[in-house]
């Protein structure tokens, strides 16, 4: 865990000013051995980066020793090197479970997409369903026609009973009532299907 945290500390690219400060720390007699060791590692560093924690320790030590050095001058021209977090490897059991769940989800999605598709190999050629469908449609058409004719007849004969034998009035009321019944019946056929 400590090794992981060490790599997460921000790092700065090494510049001439940083190397000069490191050399001053190495030359000072009253410096902790751990800091001197870190400074020697900074000089030998092939990556060309130093941790901000080491830079802070160098800065504090030089200030305590009476050096007139400022942190912004020491890191002038240096670039901040972002660190990528070290991720632990995934648990193999978890990975296997995730793969299993992905496959199940893909299968469910496939089933959802192909739910209403009939396979051609399983179809039996039977006229029973076709005859039933045709019978339903024929009955619906016959019902539609009889309803419209009955509406016309009711308007025609109803006017004759009320007003007498006036042909124009009978035809007009029969046609109006037949048209209304036609559109109402058409609405219900289209809305609810056959």
Protein backbone atom coordinates (compact mmCIF):
# COMPACT_ATOMS: atom_id res chain seq x y z
CA UNK A 1 0.00 0.00 0.00
CA UNK A 2 2.84 2.40 0.82
CA UNK A 3 4.42 1.62 -2.55
CA UNK A 4 1.16 2.49 -4.32
CA UNK A 5 0.89 5.81 -2.44
CA UNK A 6 4.52 6.65 -3.26
CA UNK A 7 3.77 6.43 -6.97
CA UNK A 8 0.71 8.63 -6.60
CA UNK A 9 2.67 11.62 -5.29
CA UNK A 10 2.99 14.36 -7.88
CA UNK A 11 6.38 14.54 -9.53
CA UNK A 12 8.29 17.41 -11.11
CA UNK A 13 10.83 17.24 -13.90
CA UNK A 14 14.41 17.90 -12.75
CA UNK A 15 15.92 21.23 -13.80
CA UNK A 16 19.31 22.89 -13.23
CA UNK A 17 17.96 24.87 -10.26
CA UNK A 18 16.72 21.66 -8.61
CA UNK A 19 20.07 19.95 -9.20
CA UNK A 20 21.87 22.94 -7.64
CA UNK A 21 19.65 22.74 -4.55
CA UNK A 22 20.26 18.97 -4.35
CA UNK A 23 24.03 19.51 -4.50
CA UNK A 24 23.80 22.10 -1.69
CA UNK A 25 21.95 19.54 0.48
CA UNK A 26 24.60 16.90 -0.18
CA UNK A 27 27.38 19.38 0.72
CA UNK A 28 25.73 20.48 4.00
CA UNK A 29 27.07 18.64 7.09
CA UNK A 30 24.02 18.77 9.40
CA UNK A 31 21.49 17.11 7.05
CA UNK A 32 19.68 13.86 7.83
CA UNK A 33 21.13 10.83 6.11
CA UNK A 34 17.74 9.86 4.67
CA UNK A 35 17.45 13.23 2.89
CA UNK A 36 21.04 12.98 1.62
CA UNK A 37 20.26 9.51 0.27
CA UNK A 38 17.17 10.85 -1.47
CA UNK A 39 19.22 13.67 -2.99
CA UNK A 40 21.82 11.20 -4.29
CA UNK A 41 18.97 9.19 -5.86
CA UNK A 42 17.67 12.39 -7.49
CA UNK A 43 21.08 12.97 -9.07
CA UNK A 44 21.19 9.40 -10.38
CA UNK A 45 17.52 9.44 -11.45
CA UNK A 46 17.25 8.30 -15.08
CA UNK A 47 13.60 9.28 -15.45
CA UNK A 48 14.41 12.91 -14.78
CA UNK A 49 11.68 13.42 -12.18
CA UNK A 50 11.62 14.12 -8.46
CA UNK A 51 8.75 13.84 -6.00
CA UNK A 52 7.21 17.02 -4.60
CA UNK A 53 7.69 15.63 -1.09
CA UNK A 54 11.49 15.46 -1.62
CA UNK A 55 11.45 18.98 -3.09
CA UNK A 56 9.58 20.27 -0.05
CA UNK A 57 12.10 18.60 2.31
CA UNK A 58 15.01 20.10 0.35
CA UNK A 59 13.41 23.55 0.46
CA UNK A 60 12.70 23.40 4.22
CA UNK A 61 16.20 22.16 5.02
CA UNK A 62 17.87 24.88 2.95
CA UNK A 63 15.68 27.56 4.57
CA UNK A 64 16.51 26.20 8.06
CA UNK A 65 20.22 26.33 7.19
CA UNK A 66 19.92 30.03 6.33
CA UNK A 67 19.96 29.77 2.53
CA UNK A 68 18.00 32.48 0.75
CA UNK A 69 16.18 30.26 -1.70
CA UNK A 70 12.57 30.47 -2.75
CA UNK A 71 10.49 27.50 -3.82
CA UNK A 72 9.19 29.17 -6.98
CA UNK A 73 12.78 29.88 -8.05
CA UNK A 74 13.83 26.32 -7.36
CA UNK A 75 11.06 24.79 -9.54
CA UNK A 76 11.20 27.47 -12.23
CA UNK A 77 11.07 25.83 -15.66
CA UNK A 78 10.10 22.44 -14.24
CA UNK A 79 7.09 20.56 -15.55
CA UNK A 80 4.55 18.77 -13.38
CA UNK A 81 4.46 15.10 -14.38
CA UNK A 82 1.00 13.60 -13.78
CA UNK A 83 0.97 10.14 -12.25
CA UNK A 84 -1.34 7.38 -13.32
CA UNK A 85 -2.96 5.54 -10.44
CA UNK A 86 -1.92 1.92 -10.10
CA UNK A 87 -5.06 -0.15 -10.28
CA UNK A 88 -5.14 -3.52 -8.54
CA UNK A 89 -5.82 -6.51 -10.79
CA UNK A 90 -9.44 -7.62 -11.04
CA UNK A 91 -10.63 -10.64 -9.18
CA UNK A 92 -10.86 -13.59 -11.66
CA UNK A 93 -14.15 -14.76 -10.11
CA UNK A 94 -15.62 -11.29 -10.60
CA UNK A 95 -14.37 -11.16 -14.18
CA UNK A 96 -15.92 -14.57 -14.93
CA UNK A 97 -19.24 -13.47 -13.40
CA UNK A 98 -19.22 -10.23 -15.43
CA UNK A 99 -18.61 -12.19 -18.64
CA UNK A 100 -21.44 -14.59 -17.77
CA UNK A 101 -23.83 -11.68 -17.10
CA UNK A 102 -22.84 -9.99 -20.39
CA UNK A 103 -23.58 -13.18 -22.31
CA UNK A 104 -26.95 -13.56 -20.56
CA UNK A 105 -27.84 -9.93 -21.33
CA UNK A 106 -26.87 -10.37 -24.99
CA UNK A 107 -29.02 -13.52 -25.20
CA UNK A 108 -31.99 -11.69 -23.64
CA UNK A 109 -31.55 -8.81 -26.10
CA UNK A 110 -31.43 -11.28 -29.00
CA UNK A 111 -34.58 -13.01 -27.75
CA UNK A 112 -36.30 -9.61 -27.43
CA UNK A 113 -35.35 -8.70 -31.01
CA UNK A 114 -36.44 -12.04 -32.48
CA UNK A 115 -39.54 -12.59 -30.35
CA UNK A 116 -42.06 -11.94 -33.12
CA UNK A 117 -40.05 -13.52 -35.95
CA UNK A 118 -41.23 -16.97 -36.94
CA UNK A 119 -38.67 -19.44 -38.19
CA UNK A 120 -39.46 -20.84 -41.61
CA UNK A 121 -38.39 -24.37 -40.76
CA UNK A 122 -41.05 -24.81 -38.08
CA UNK A 123 -44.00 -23.57 -40.19
CA UNK A 124 -46.61 -26.14 -41.13
CA UNK A 125 -48.61 -25.27 -44.18
CA UNK A 126 -52.18 -25.43 -42.96
CA UNK A 127 -55.14 -23.63 -44.43
CA UNK A 128 -57.02 -23.65 -41.14
CA UNK A 129 -55.66 -20.30 -39.94
CA UNK A 130 -56.09 -18.74 -43.39
CA UNK A 131 -59.72 -19.91 -43.60
CA UNK A 132 -60.45 -18.57 -40.09
CA UNK A 133 -58.93 -15.20 -40.97
CA UNK A 134 -60.87 -15.05 -44.23
CA UNK A 135 -64.11 -15.95 -42.42
CA UNK A 136 -63.56 -13.14 -39.88
CA UNK A 137 -62.97 -10.64 -42.69
CA UNK A 138 -65.96 -11.81 -44.71
CA UNK A 139 -68.24 -11.58 -41.67
CA UNK A 140 -66.89 -8.09 -40.89
CA UNK A 141 -67.51 -6.92 -44.49
CA UNK A 142 -71.01 -8.43 -44.54
CA UNK A 143 -71.80 -6.84 -41.16
CA UNK A 144 -70.47 -3.50 -42.45
CA UNK A 145 -72.61 -3.63 -45.61
CA UNK A 146 -75.76 -4.76 -43.78
CA UNK A 147 -75.36 -2.02 -41.16
CA UNK A 148 -75.07 0.70 -43.81
CA UNK A 149 -78.03 -0.68 -45.81
CA UNK A 150 -80.09 -0.97 -42.62
CA UNK A 151 -79.24 2.65 -41.72
CA UNK A 152 -80.35 3.80 -45.19
CA UNK A 153 -83.54 1.74 -45.00
CA UNK A 154 -84.37 3.11 -41.55
CA UNK A 155 -83.93 6.71 -42.76
CA UNK A 156 -85.95 6.05 -45.94
CA UNK A 157 -88.86 4.24 -44.29
CA UNK A 158 -88.80 6.36 -41.12
CA UNK A 159 -89.31 9.51 -43.19
CA UNK A 160 -92.14 7.85 -45.12
CA UNK A 161 -93.92 7.00 -41.87
CA UNK A 162 -93.48 10.50 -40.42
CA UNK A 163 -93.95 12.80 -43.48
CA UNK A 164 -95.72 10.62 -45.96
CA UNK A 165 -94.64 9.50 -49.40
CA UNK A 166 -92.25 12.34 -50.39
CA UNK A 167 -89.51 10.66 -52.47
CA UNK A 168 -86.87 13.45 -52.28
CA UNK A 169 -87.21 13.74 -48.50
CA UNK A 170 -87.03 9.94 -48.10
CA UNK A 171 -83.88 9.67 -50.27
CA UNK A 172 -82.14 12.55 -48.54
CA UNK A 173 -82.76 11.27 -44.99
CA UNK A 174 -81.85 7.69 -46.05
CA UNK A 175 -78.56 8.85 -47.61
CA UNK A 176 -77.68 11.06 -44.64
CA UNK A 177 -78.35 8.31 -42.11
CA UNK A 178 -76.57 5.69 -44.28
CA UNK A 179 -73.50 7.98 -44.56
CA UNK A 180 -73.38 8.59 -40.81
CA UNK A 181 -73.67 4.84 -40.13
CA UNK A 182 -70.97 4.19 -42.78
CA UNK A 183 -68.42 6.51 -41.13
CA UNK A 184 -69.21 5.30 -37.60
CA UNK A 185 -68.83 1.67 -38.63
CA UNK A 186 -65.64 2.48 -40.56
CA UNK A 187 -64.22 4.20 -37.46
CA UNK A 188 -64.82 1.13 -35.28
CA UNK A 189 -63.39 -1.25 -37.89
CA UNK A 190 -60.22 0.83 -38.23
CA UNK A 191 -59.89 1.39 -34.49
CA UNK A 192 -60.45 -2.14 -33.23
CA UNK A 193 -59.54 -4.15 -36.32
CA UNK A 194 -61.19 -7.17 -37.79
